[in-house]
Amino acid sequence: MTPEEAELVRKRKSGFDEFYRALVPALVDFIGRMGVNPAHEVLKHADQFSLCLDDALQSMAVADDQDRAWLLTHIGYFIGEYFVQKYSGCWYVNEISGSRYLGRYVVGQFAALENAKLMLDPFEIAQTYVDETIPRQLERLLKEVDAELVGGVSPK
């Protein structure tokens, strides 16, 4: 690992607790804003919210960069929690030298998958989702990522 990469990982790790403390209330608020209640249930049953979010977001217009950043962040939180819950994983900072995810907040260490080394960057997946042409398809995207995980390959 280069000194620059080591510094990136150090900075990301030092900010992880703040990142995670912000994630939980932001995710609940996002679910509530999308009209899904009780919103706090997303913290234990994210899979039950994917269809509702798919409906709520498929035609949502992104007016500017601020809207795009807001949607990308919040759908990234959801995607991460969805897979953390589904496969008994966790959020963490990737420290694997040479990994394309080095220094990123990722989800992985999935106890319910044969290969516990698999990980994904939920914000990269969120970017794919947000950049899709309308109507976006969250359910389809989640199923594609799921198929890659079950097949033992980190999503591209």
C-alpha atoms as a PDB file:
ATOM      1  CA  MET A   1       0.000   0.000   0.000  1.00  0.00           C
ATOM      2  CA  THR A   2       1.380   3.391  -0.954  1.00  0.00           C
ATOM      3  CA  PRO A   3       1.658   6.145   1.673  1.00  0.00           C
ATOM      4  CA  GLU A   4      -1.189   7.997  -0.077  1.00  0.00           C
ATOM      5  CA  GLU A   5      -3.416   4.930   0.044  1.00  0.00           C
ATOM      6  CA  ALA A   6      -2.551   4.352   3.699  1.00  0.00           C
ATOM      7  CA  GLU A   7      -3.466   7.965   4.479  1.00  0.00           C
ATOM      8  CA  LEU A   8      -6.768   7.609   2.605  1.00  0.00           C
ATOM      9  CA  VAL A   9      -7.643   4.490   4.601  1.00  0.00           C
ATOM     10  CA  ARG A  10      -6.635   6.198   7.863  1.00  0.00           C
ATOM     11  CA  LYS A  11      -8.865   9.210   7.102  1.00  0.00           C
ATOM     12  CA  ARG A  12     -11.806   7.061   6.091  1.00  0.00           C
ATOM     13  CA  LYS A  13     -11.472   4.892   9.184  1.00  0.00           C
ATOM     14  CA  SER A  14     -11.276   7.946  11.447  1.00  0.00           C
ATOM     15  CA  GLY A  15     -14.535   9.206   9.891  1.00  0.00           C
ATOM     16  CA  PHE A  16     -16.333   5.867   9.942  1.00  0.00           C
ATOM     17  CA  ASP A  17     -18.169   6.291  13.260  1.00  0.00           C
ATOM     18  CA  GLU A  18     -19.522   9.657  12.145  1.00  0.00           C
ATOM     19  CA  PHE A  19     -20.531   8.189   8.780  1.00  0.00           C
ATOM     20  CA  TYR A  20     -22.402   5.319  10.423  1.00  0.00           C
ATOM     21  CA  ARG A  21     -24.102   7.539  13.031  1.00  0.00           C
ATOM     22  CA  ALA A  22     -25.414   9.713  10.182  1.00  0.00           C
ATOM     23  CA  LEU A  23     -26.505   6.733   8.075  1.00  0.00           C
ATOM     24  CA  VAL A  24     -29.161   5.348  10.423  1.00  0.00           C
ATOM     25  CA  PRO A  25     -31.323   8.465  10.943  1.00  0.00           C
ATOM     26  CA  ALA A  26     -30.815   9.546   7.323  1.00  0.00           C
ATOM     27  CA  LEU A  27     -32.046   6.182   6.051  1.00  0.00           C
ATOM     28  CA  VAL A  28     -35.126   6.259   8.287  1.00  0.00           C
ATOM     29  CA  ASP A  29     -35.880   9.850   7.223  1.00  0.00           C
ATOM     30  CA  PHE A  30     -35.457   8.912   3.545  1.00  0.00           C
ATOM     31  CA  ILE A  31     -37.876   5.989   3.830  1.00  0.00           C
ATOM     32  CA  GLY A  32     -40.417   8.235   5.564  1.00  0.00           C
ATOM     33  CA  ARG A  33     -40.064  10.918   2.873  1.00  0.00           C
ATOM     34  CA  MET A  34     -40.820   8.277   0.278  1.00  0.00           C
ATOM     35  CA  GLY A  35     -44.139   7.692   2.041  1.00  0.00           C
ATOM     36  CA  VAL A  36     -43.314   4.317   3.542  1.00  0.00           C
ATOM     37  CA  ASN A  37     -44.341   3.761   7.150  1.00  0.00           C
ATOM     38  CA  PRO A  38     -43.338   2.766   9.717  1.00  0.00           C
ATOM     39  CA  ALA A  39     -40.037   4.020   8.335  1.00  0.00           C
ATOM     40  CA  HIS A  40     -37.876   2.792  11.217  1.00  0.00           C
ATOM     41  CA  GLU A  41     -38.636  -0.812  10.262  1.00  0.00           C
ATOM     42  CA  VAL A  42     -36.143  -0.441   7.404  1.00  0.00           C
ATOM     43  CA  LEU A  43     -33.423  -0.908  10.026  1.00  0.00           C
ATOM     44  CA  LYS A  44     -34.506  -4.519  10.548  1.00  0.00           C
ATOM     45  CA  HIS A  45     -36.493  -5.414   7.402  1.00  0.00           C
ATOM     46  CA  ALA A  46     -34.972  -3.543   4.454  1.00  0.00           C
ATOM     47  CA  ASP A  47     -36.064  -6.273   2.031  1.00  0.00           C
ATOM     48  CA  GLN A  48     -39.701  -5.390   2.735  1.00  0.00           C
ATOM     49  CA  PHE A  49     -39.116  -1.821   1.511  1.00  0.00           C
ATOM     50  CA  SER A  50     -37.535  -2.459  -1.885  1.00  0.00           C
ATOM     51  CA  LEU A  51     -40.810  -2.705  -3.834  1.00  0.00           C
ATOM     52  CA  CYS A  52     -42.200   0.454  -2.239  1.00  0.00           C
ATOM     53  CA  LEU A  53     -38.991   2.331  -3.013  1.00  0.00           C
ATOM     54  CA  ASP A  54     -38.990   0.957  -6.532  1.00  0.00           C
ATOM     55  CA  ASP A  55     -42.469   2.441  -7.054  1.00  0.00           C
ATOM     56  CA  ALA A  56     -41.669   5.736  -5.321  1.00  0.00           C
ATOM     57  CA  LEU A  57     -38.380   6.388  -7.106  1.00  0.00           C
ATOM     58  CA  GLN A  58     -38.770   4.948 -10.587  1.00  0.00           C
ATOM     59  CA  SER A  59     -39.924   8.233 -12.118  1.00  0.00           C
ATOM     60  CA  MET A  60     -38.335  10.694  -9.669  1.00  0.00           C
ATOM     61  CA  ALA A  61     -36.683  13.467 -11.630  1.00  0.00           C
ATOM     62  CA  VAL A  62     -33.234  14.658 -10.611  1.00  0.00           C
ATOM     63  CA  ALA A  63     -33.297  18.420 -11.092  1.00  0.00           C
ATOM     64  CA  ASP A  64     -29.688  19.312 -10.294  1.00  0.00           C
ATOM     65  CA  ASP A  65     -26.429  18.107  -8.763  1.00  0.00           C
ATOM     66  CA  GLN A  66     -27.748  18.635  -5.232  1.00  0.00           C
ATOM     67  CA  ASP A  67     -30.795  16.427  -5.921  1.00  0.00           C
ATOM     68  CA  ARG A  68     -28.546  13.819  -7.522  1.00  0.00           C
ATOM     69  CA  ALA A  69     -26.157  13.763  -4.548  1.00  0.00           C
ATOM     70  CA  TRP A  70     -29.070  13.476  -2.097  1.00  0.00           C
ATOM     71  CA  LEU A  71     -30.687  10.583  -3.985  1.00  0.00           C
ATOM     72  CA  LEU A  72     -27.383   8.810  -4.576  1.00  0.00           C
ATOM     73  CA  THR A  73     -26.430   9.013  -0.888  1.00  0.00           C
ATOM     74  CA  HIS A  74     -29.777   7.848   0.424  1.00  0.00           C
ATOM     75  CA  ILE A  75     -30.329   5.038  -2.052  1.00  0.00           C
ATOM     76  CA  GLY A  76     -26.726   3.993  -1.328  1.00  0.00           C
ATOM     77  CA  TYR A  77     -27.581   3.756   2.370  1.00  0.00           C
ATOM     78  CA  PHE A  78     -30.594   1.633   1.495  1.00  0.00           C
ATOM     79  CA  ILE A  79     -28.695  -0.686  -0.857  1.00  0.00           C
ATOM     80  CA  GLY A  80     -25.993  -1.190   1.742  1.00  0.00           C
ATOM     81  CA  GLU A  81     -28.457  -1.994   4.518  1.00  0.00           C
ATOM     82  CA  TYR A  82     -30.429  -4.268   2.202  1.00  0.00           C
ATOM     83  CA  PHE A  83     -27.407  -6.508   1.622  1.00  0.00           C
ATOM     84  CA  VAL A  84     -26.053  -6.220   5.184  1.00  0.00           C
ATOM     85  CA  GLN A  85     -29.353  -7.542   6.495  1.00  0.00           C
ATOM     86  CA  LYS A  86     -29.893 -10.123   3.776  1.00  0.00           C
ATOM     87  CA  TYR A  87     -26.495 -11.785   4.185  1.00  0.00           C
ATOM     88  CA  SER A  88     -25.562 -10.929   7.797  1.00  0.00           C
ATOM     89  CA  GLY A  89     -22.811  -8.537   6.805  1.00  0.00           C
ATOM     90  CA  CYS A  90     -21.568  -5.189   8.016  1.00  0.00           C
ATOM     91  CA  TRP A  91     -20.400  -1.752   6.923  1.00  0.00           C
ATOM     92  CA  TYR A  92     -16.645  -1.096   7.069  1.00  0.00           C
ATOM     93  CA  VAL A  93     -13.733   0.647   5.359  1.00  0.00           C
ATOM     94  CA  ASN A  94     -11.996  -1.521   2.773  1.00  0.00           C
ATOM     95  CA  GLU A  95      -8.282  -1.817   3.583  1.00  0.00           C
ATOM     96  CA  ILE A  96      -7.289  -4.349   0.912  1.00  0.00           C
ATOM     97  CA  SER A  97      -4.352  -3.004  -1.047  1.00  0.00           C
ATOM     98  CA  GLY A  98      -4.956  -3.224  -4.782  1.00  0.00           C
ATOM     99  CA  SER A  99      -8.729  -3.444  -4.398  1.00  0.00           C
ATOM    100  CA  ARG A 100     -10.819  -1.132  -6.528  1.00  0.00           C
ATOM    101  CA  TYR A 101     -12.761  -0.381  -3.329  1.00  0.00           C
ATOM    102  CA  LEU A 102      -9.692   0.618  -1.295  1.00  0.00           C
ATOM    103  CA  GLY A 103     -10.585   3.337   1.207  1.00  0.00           C
ATOM    104  CA  ARG A 104     -14.299   3.201   0.463  1.00  0.00           C
ATOM    105  CA  TYR A 105     -17.180   2.520   2.818  1.00  0.00           C
ATOM    106  CA  VAL A 106     -18.343  -0.898   1.720  1.00  0.00           C
ATOM    107  CA  VAL A 107     -20.595  -3.695   2.895  1.00  0.00           C
ATOM    108  CA  GLY A 108     -19.346  -7.231   3.133  1.00  0.00           C
ATOM    109  CA  GLN A 109     -18.043  -9.870   5.526  1.00  0.00           C
ATOM    110  CA  PHE A 110     -21.287 -11.677   4.739  1.00  0.00           C
ATOM    111  CA  ALA A 111     -21.690 -14.557   7.193  1.00  0.00           C
ATOM    112  CA  ALA A 112     -24.529 -16.057   5.136  1.00  0.00           C
ATOM    113  CA  LEU A 113     -22.438 -16.420   1.962  1.00  0.00           C
ATOM    114  CA  GLU A 114     -19.815 -19.074   1.310  1.00  0.00           C
ATOM    115  CA  ASN A 115     -17.201 -16.461   0.419  1.00  0.00           C
ATOM    116  CA  ALA A 116     -17.067 -14.019   3.328  1.00  0.00           C
ATOM    117  CA  LYS A 117     -14.486 -11.925   1.441  1.00  0.00           C
ATOM    118  CA  LEU A 118     -17.075 -10.631  -1.014  1.00  0.00           C
ATOM    119  CA  MET A 119     -17.908  -6.956  -0.692  1.00  0.00           C
ATOM    120  CA  LEU A 120     -19.719  -4.260  -2.582  1.00  0.00           C
ATOM    121  CA  ASP A 121     -19.730  -0.495  -2.692  1.00  0.00           C
ATOM    122  CA  PRO A 122     -23.402   0.437  -2.284  1.00  0.00           C
ATOM    123  CA  PHE A 123     -22.725   3.977  -3.502  1.00  0.00           C
ATOM    124  CA  GLU A 124     -21.275   2.683  -6.770  1.00  0.00           C
ATOM    125  CA  ILE A 125     -24.443   0.645  -7.246  1.00  0.00           C
ATOM    126  CA  ALA A 126     -26.525   3.688  -6.273  1.00  0.00           C
ATOM    127  CA  GLN A 127     -24.733   5.708  -8.941  1.00  0.00           C
ATOM    128  CA  THR A 128     -25.699   3.123 -11.542  1.00  0.00           C
ATOM    129  CA  TYR A 129     -29.294   3.347 -10.316  1.00  0.00           C
ATOM    130  CA  VAL A 130     -29.485   7.153 -10.223  1.00  0.00           C
ATOM    131  CA  ASP A 131     -27.927   7.412 -13.705  1.00  0.00           C
ATOM    132  CA  GLU A 132     -30.450   4.988 -15.255  1.00  0.00           C
ATOM    133  CA  THR A 133     -33.004   6.451 -17.610  1.00  0.00           C
ATOM    134  CA  ILE A 134     -36.475   6.858 -16.178  1.00  0.00           C
ATOM    135  CA  PRO A 135     -38.235   4.649 -15.282  1.00  0.00           C
ATOM    136  CA  ARG A 136     -35.485   3.312 -13.019  1.00  0.00           C
ATOM    137  CA  GLN A 137     -35.776  -0.253 -11.758  1.00  0.00           C
ATOM    138  CA  LEU A 138     -34.449  -0.726  -8.235  1.00  0.00           C
ATOM    139  CA  GLU A 139     -35.796  -4.264  -7.864  1.00  0.00           C
ATOM    140  CA  ARG A 140     -34.087  -5.400 -11.061  1.00  0.00           C
ATOM    141  CA  LEU A 141     -30.793  -3.854  -9.979  1.00  0.00           C
ATOM    142  CA  LEU A 142     -30.974  -5.468  -6.521  1.00  0.00           C
ATOM    143  CA  LYS A 143     -31.633  -8.851  -8.146  1.00  0.00           C
ATOM    144  CA  GLU A 144     -28.638  -8.432 -10.481  1.00  0.00           C
ATOM    145  CA  VAL A 145     -26.324  -7.582  -7.589  1.00  0.00           C
ATOM    146  CA  ASP A 146     -27.790 -10.420  -5.552  1.00  0.00           C
ATOM    147  CA  ALA A 147     -27.122 -12.906  -8.375  1.00  0.00           C
ATOM    148  CA  GLU A 148     -23.486 -11.796  -8.542  1.00  0.00           C
ATOM    149  CA  LEU A 149     -23.068 -12.165  -4.770  1.00  0.00           C
ATOM    150  CA  VAL A 150     -24.668 -15.590  -4.671  1.00  0.00           C
ATOM    151  CA  GLY A 151     -22.494 -16.578  -7.612  1.00  0.00           C
ATOM    152  CA  GLY A 152     -19.447 -15.629  -5.557  1.00  0.00           C
ATOM    153  CA  VAL A 153     -18.399 -12.551  -7.494  1.00  0.00           C
ATOM    154  CA  SER A 154     -18.206  -9.011  -6.092  1.00  0.00           C
ATOM    155  CA  PRO A 155     -20.516  -6.811  -8.187  1.00  0.00           C
ATOM    156  CA  LYS A 156     -18.813  -4.881 -10.952  1.00  0.00           C
END
